[in-house]
Amino acid sequence: MLVAKGKKCEEFALAKLNVEERAAKVLGPSGKLRAPTLLVGDAVVVGFHDDAYRAIFG
C-alpha cells in the first residue's frame, strides 16, 4: 500500500498492518476514504503524489 499525504509518501506492507492501522492510513480527518484511492494490480494507492504516480504509471 502506498499512502501519500501532502509532500510525503510512504509504503506499507498490507499483511503487516492490522485493520485499525489500515483504516488510519486510508481515512481522512472527516472519517471518509481519502481520495484518490486506486487499486493498481495488487497494490493500493491512496492520495496523490506526483512522483509516485509517475513511477507507477510511467
N, C-alpha and C. Protein backbone atom coordinates (compact mmCIF):
# COMPACT_ATOMS: atom_id res chain seq x y z
N MET A 1 0.86 -1.16 0.00
CA MET A 1 0.00 0.00 0.00
C MET A 1 0.90 1.22 0.00
N LEU A 2 0.60 2.15 -0.88
CA LEU A 2 1.34 3.40 -0.98
C LEU A 2 0.40 4.51 -0.52
N VAL A 3 0.83 5.30 0.47
CA VAL A 3 -0.01 6.34 1.03
C VAL A 3 0.70 7.69 0.89
N ALA A 4 0.04 8.63 0.21
CA ALA A 4 0.58 9.97 0.03
C ALA A 4 -0.23 10.95 0.87
N LYS A 5 0.49 11.75 1.64
CA LYS A 5 -0.13 12.82 2.43
C LYS A 5 0.73 14.06 2.23
N GLY A 6 0.19 15.04 1.53
CA GLY A 6 0.95 16.24 1.24
C GLY A 6 2.16 15.91 0.39
N LYS A 7 3.34 16.34 0.81
CA LYS A 7 4.57 16.09 0.07
C LYS A 7 5.23 14.78 0.47
N LYS A 8 4.65 14.09 1.44
CA LYS A 8 5.22 12.85 1.97
C LYS A 8 4.52 11.65 1.37
N CYS A 9 5.29 10.61 1.07
CA CYS A 9 4.74 9.39 0.50
C CYS A 9 5.38 8.21 1.22
N GLU A 10 4.55 7.30 1.75
CA GLU A 10 5.06 6.15 2.49
C GLU A 10 4.51 4.86 1.89
N GLU A 11 5.29 3.79 2.00
CA GLU A 11 4.88 2.49 1.51
C GLU A 11 4.75 1.54 2.69
N PHE A 12 3.67 0.76 2.71
CA PHE A 12 3.40 -0.17 3.79
C PHE A 12 3.04 -1.54 3.21
N ALA A 13 3.45 -2.59 3.89
CA ALA A 13 3.03 -3.95 3.52
C ALA A 13 1.68 -4.20 4.18
N LEU A 14 0.66 -4.42 3.38
CA LEU A 14 -0.69 -4.62 3.92
C LEU A 14 -0.73 -5.77 4.91
N ALA A 15 0.01 -6.83 4.65
CA ALA A 15 -0.02 -8.00 5.53
C ALA A 15 0.52 -7.69 6.92
N LYS A 16 1.32 -6.63 7.06
CA LYS A 16 1.91 -6.30 8.36
C LYS A 16 1.06 -5.31 9.16
N LEU A 17 -0.03 -4.80 8.56
CA LEU A 17 -0.89 -3.85 9.25
C LEU A 17 -2.18 -4.54 9.67
N ASN A 18 -2.63 -4.26 10.90
CA ASN A 18 -3.94 -4.79 11.31
C ASN A 18 -5.03 -3.87 10.76
N VAL A 19 -6.27 -4.23 10.96
CA VAL A 19 -7.40 -3.49 10.39
C VAL A 19 -7.41 -2.04 10.85
N GLU A 20 -7.15 -1.80 12.12
CA GLU A 20 -7.17 -0.43 12.65
C GLU A 20 -6.07 0.42 12.02
N GLU A 21 -4.88 -0.16 11.85
CA GLU A 21 -3.76 0.56 11.25
C GLU A 21 -4.05 0.89 9.78
N ARG A 22 -4.64 -0.06 9.07
CA ARG A 22 -5.02 0.19 7.67
C ARG A 22 -6.02 1.33 7.58
N ALA A 23 -7.03 1.29 8.43
CA ALA A 23 -8.05 2.34 8.43
C ALA A 23 -7.43 3.70 8.71
N ALA A 24 -6.52 3.77 9.65
CA ALA A 24 -5.87 5.03 9.99
C ALA A 24 -5.12 5.61 8.80
N LYS A 25 -4.58 4.75 7.96
CA LYS A 25 -3.81 5.21 6.79
C LYS A 25 -4.71 5.71 5.66
N VAL A 26 -5.89 5.10 5.46
CA VAL A 26 -6.71 5.41 4.30
C VAL A 26 -7.87 6.37 4.59
N LEU A 27 -8.18 6.62 5.85
CA LEU A 27 -9.27 7.54 6.18
C LEU A 27 -8.73 8.93 6.46
N GLY A 28 -9.43 9.94 5.93
CA GLY A 28 -9.05 11.33 6.16
C GLY A 28 -9.59 11.83 7.47
N PRO A 29 -9.37 13.12 7.77
CA PRO A 29 -9.83 13.70 9.04
C PRO A 29 -11.35 13.68 9.21
N SER A 30 -12.08 13.63 8.09
CA SER A 30 -13.54 13.59 8.16
C SER A 30 -14.06 12.18 8.45
N GLY A 31 -13.15 11.18 8.39
CA GLY A 31 -13.55 9.80 8.60
C GLY A 31 -13.95 9.09 7.32
N LYS A 32 -13.83 9.80 6.19
CA LYS A 32 -14.17 9.21 4.90
C LYS A 32 -12.89 8.76 4.20
N LEU A 33 -13.07 7.87 3.22
CA LEU A 33 -11.95 7.36 2.44
C LEU A 33 -11.25 8.52 1.74
N ARG A 34 -9.92 8.57 1.88
CA ARG A 34 -9.15 9.62 1.23
C ARG A 34 -9.16 9.40 -0.27
N ALA A 35 -9.12 10.49 -1.03
CA ALA A 35 -9.17 10.41 -2.48
C ALA A 35 -7.91 11.00 -3.08
N PRO A 36 -7.49 10.54 -4.20
CA PRO A 36 -7.98 9.35 -4.88
C PRO A 36 -7.45 8.09 -4.20
N THR A 37 -8.21 7.03 -4.29
CA THR A 37 -7.79 5.70 -3.83
C THR A 37 -7.90 4.77 -5.02
N LEU A 38 -6.78 4.15 -5.38
CA LEU A 38 -6.73 3.31 -6.58
C LEU A 38 -6.24 1.92 -6.24
N LEU A 39 -6.74 0.95 -6.95
CA LEU A 39 -6.23 -0.41 -6.89
C LEU A 39 -5.50 -0.64 -8.21
N VAL A 40 -4.18 -0.79 -8.14
CA VAL A 40 -3.34 -0.97 -9.33
C VAL A 40 -2.70 -2.35 -9.21
N GLY A 41 -3.22 -3.31 -9.97
CA GLY A 41 -2.75 -4.68 -9.82
C GLY A 41 -3.12 -5.17 -8.43
N ASP A 42 -2.13 -5.54 -7.65
CA ASP A 42 -2.39 -5.95 -6.27
C ASP A 42 -1.96 -4.89 -5.27
N ALA A 43 -1.69 -3.67 -5.75
CA ALA A 43 -1.26 -2.57 -4.88
C ALA A 43 -2.40 -1.57 -4.68
N VAL A 44 -2.47 -1.01 -3.49
CA VAL A 44 -3.44 0.04 -3.17
C VAL A 44 -2.67 1.35 -3.10
N VAL A 45 -3.16 2.36 -3.82
CA VAL A 45 -2.52 3.69 -3.83
C VAL A 45 -3.54 4.66 -3.26
N VAL A 46 -3.17 5.35 -2.18
CA VAL A 46 -4.07 6.27 -1.50
C VAL A 46 -3.47 7.67 -1.53
N GLY A 47 -4.25 8.64 -1.97
CA GLY A 47 -3.79 10.02 -2.04
C GLY A 47 -3.06 10.28 -3.34
N PHE A 48 -2.64 11.53 -3.53
CA PHE A 48 -1.93 11.90 -4.75
C PHE A 48 -0.52 12.37 -4.42
N HIS A 49 0.43 11.80 -5.14
CA HIS A 49 1.84 12.20 -5.04
C HIS A 49 2.41 12.10 -6.45
N ASP A 50 2.78 13.22 -7.04
CA ASP A 50 3.19 13.29 -8.43
C ASP A 50 4.30 12.29 -8.76
N ASP A 51 5.36 12.25 -7.97
CA ASP A 51 6.47 11.34 -8.25
C ASP A 51 6.05 9.87 -8.16
N ALA A 52 5.22 9.54 -7.19
CA ALA A 52 4.74 8.16 -7.05
C ALA A 52 3.88 7.77 -8.24
N TYR A 53 3.02 8.67 -8.70
CA TYR A 53 2.18 8.37 -9.87
C TYR A 53 3.04 8.16 -11.11
N ARG A 54 4.08 8.95 -11.26
CA ARG A 54 4.99 8.78 -12.41
C ARG A 54 5.65 7.41 -12.35
N ALA A 55 6.08 6.99 -11.16
CA ALA A 55 6.74 5.69 -11.00
C ALA A 55 5.77 4.54 -11.30
N ILE A 56 4.52 4.68 -10.90
CA ILE A 56 3.54 3.63 -11.09
C ILE A 56 3.03 3.58 -12.54
N PHE A 57 2.69 4.74 -13.08
CA PHE A 57 2.04 4.80 -14.38
C PHE A 57 2.97 5.15 -15.54
N GLY A 58 4.20 5.53 -15.21
CA GLY A 58 5.16 5.83 -16.26
C GLY A 58 5.11 7.19 -16.80
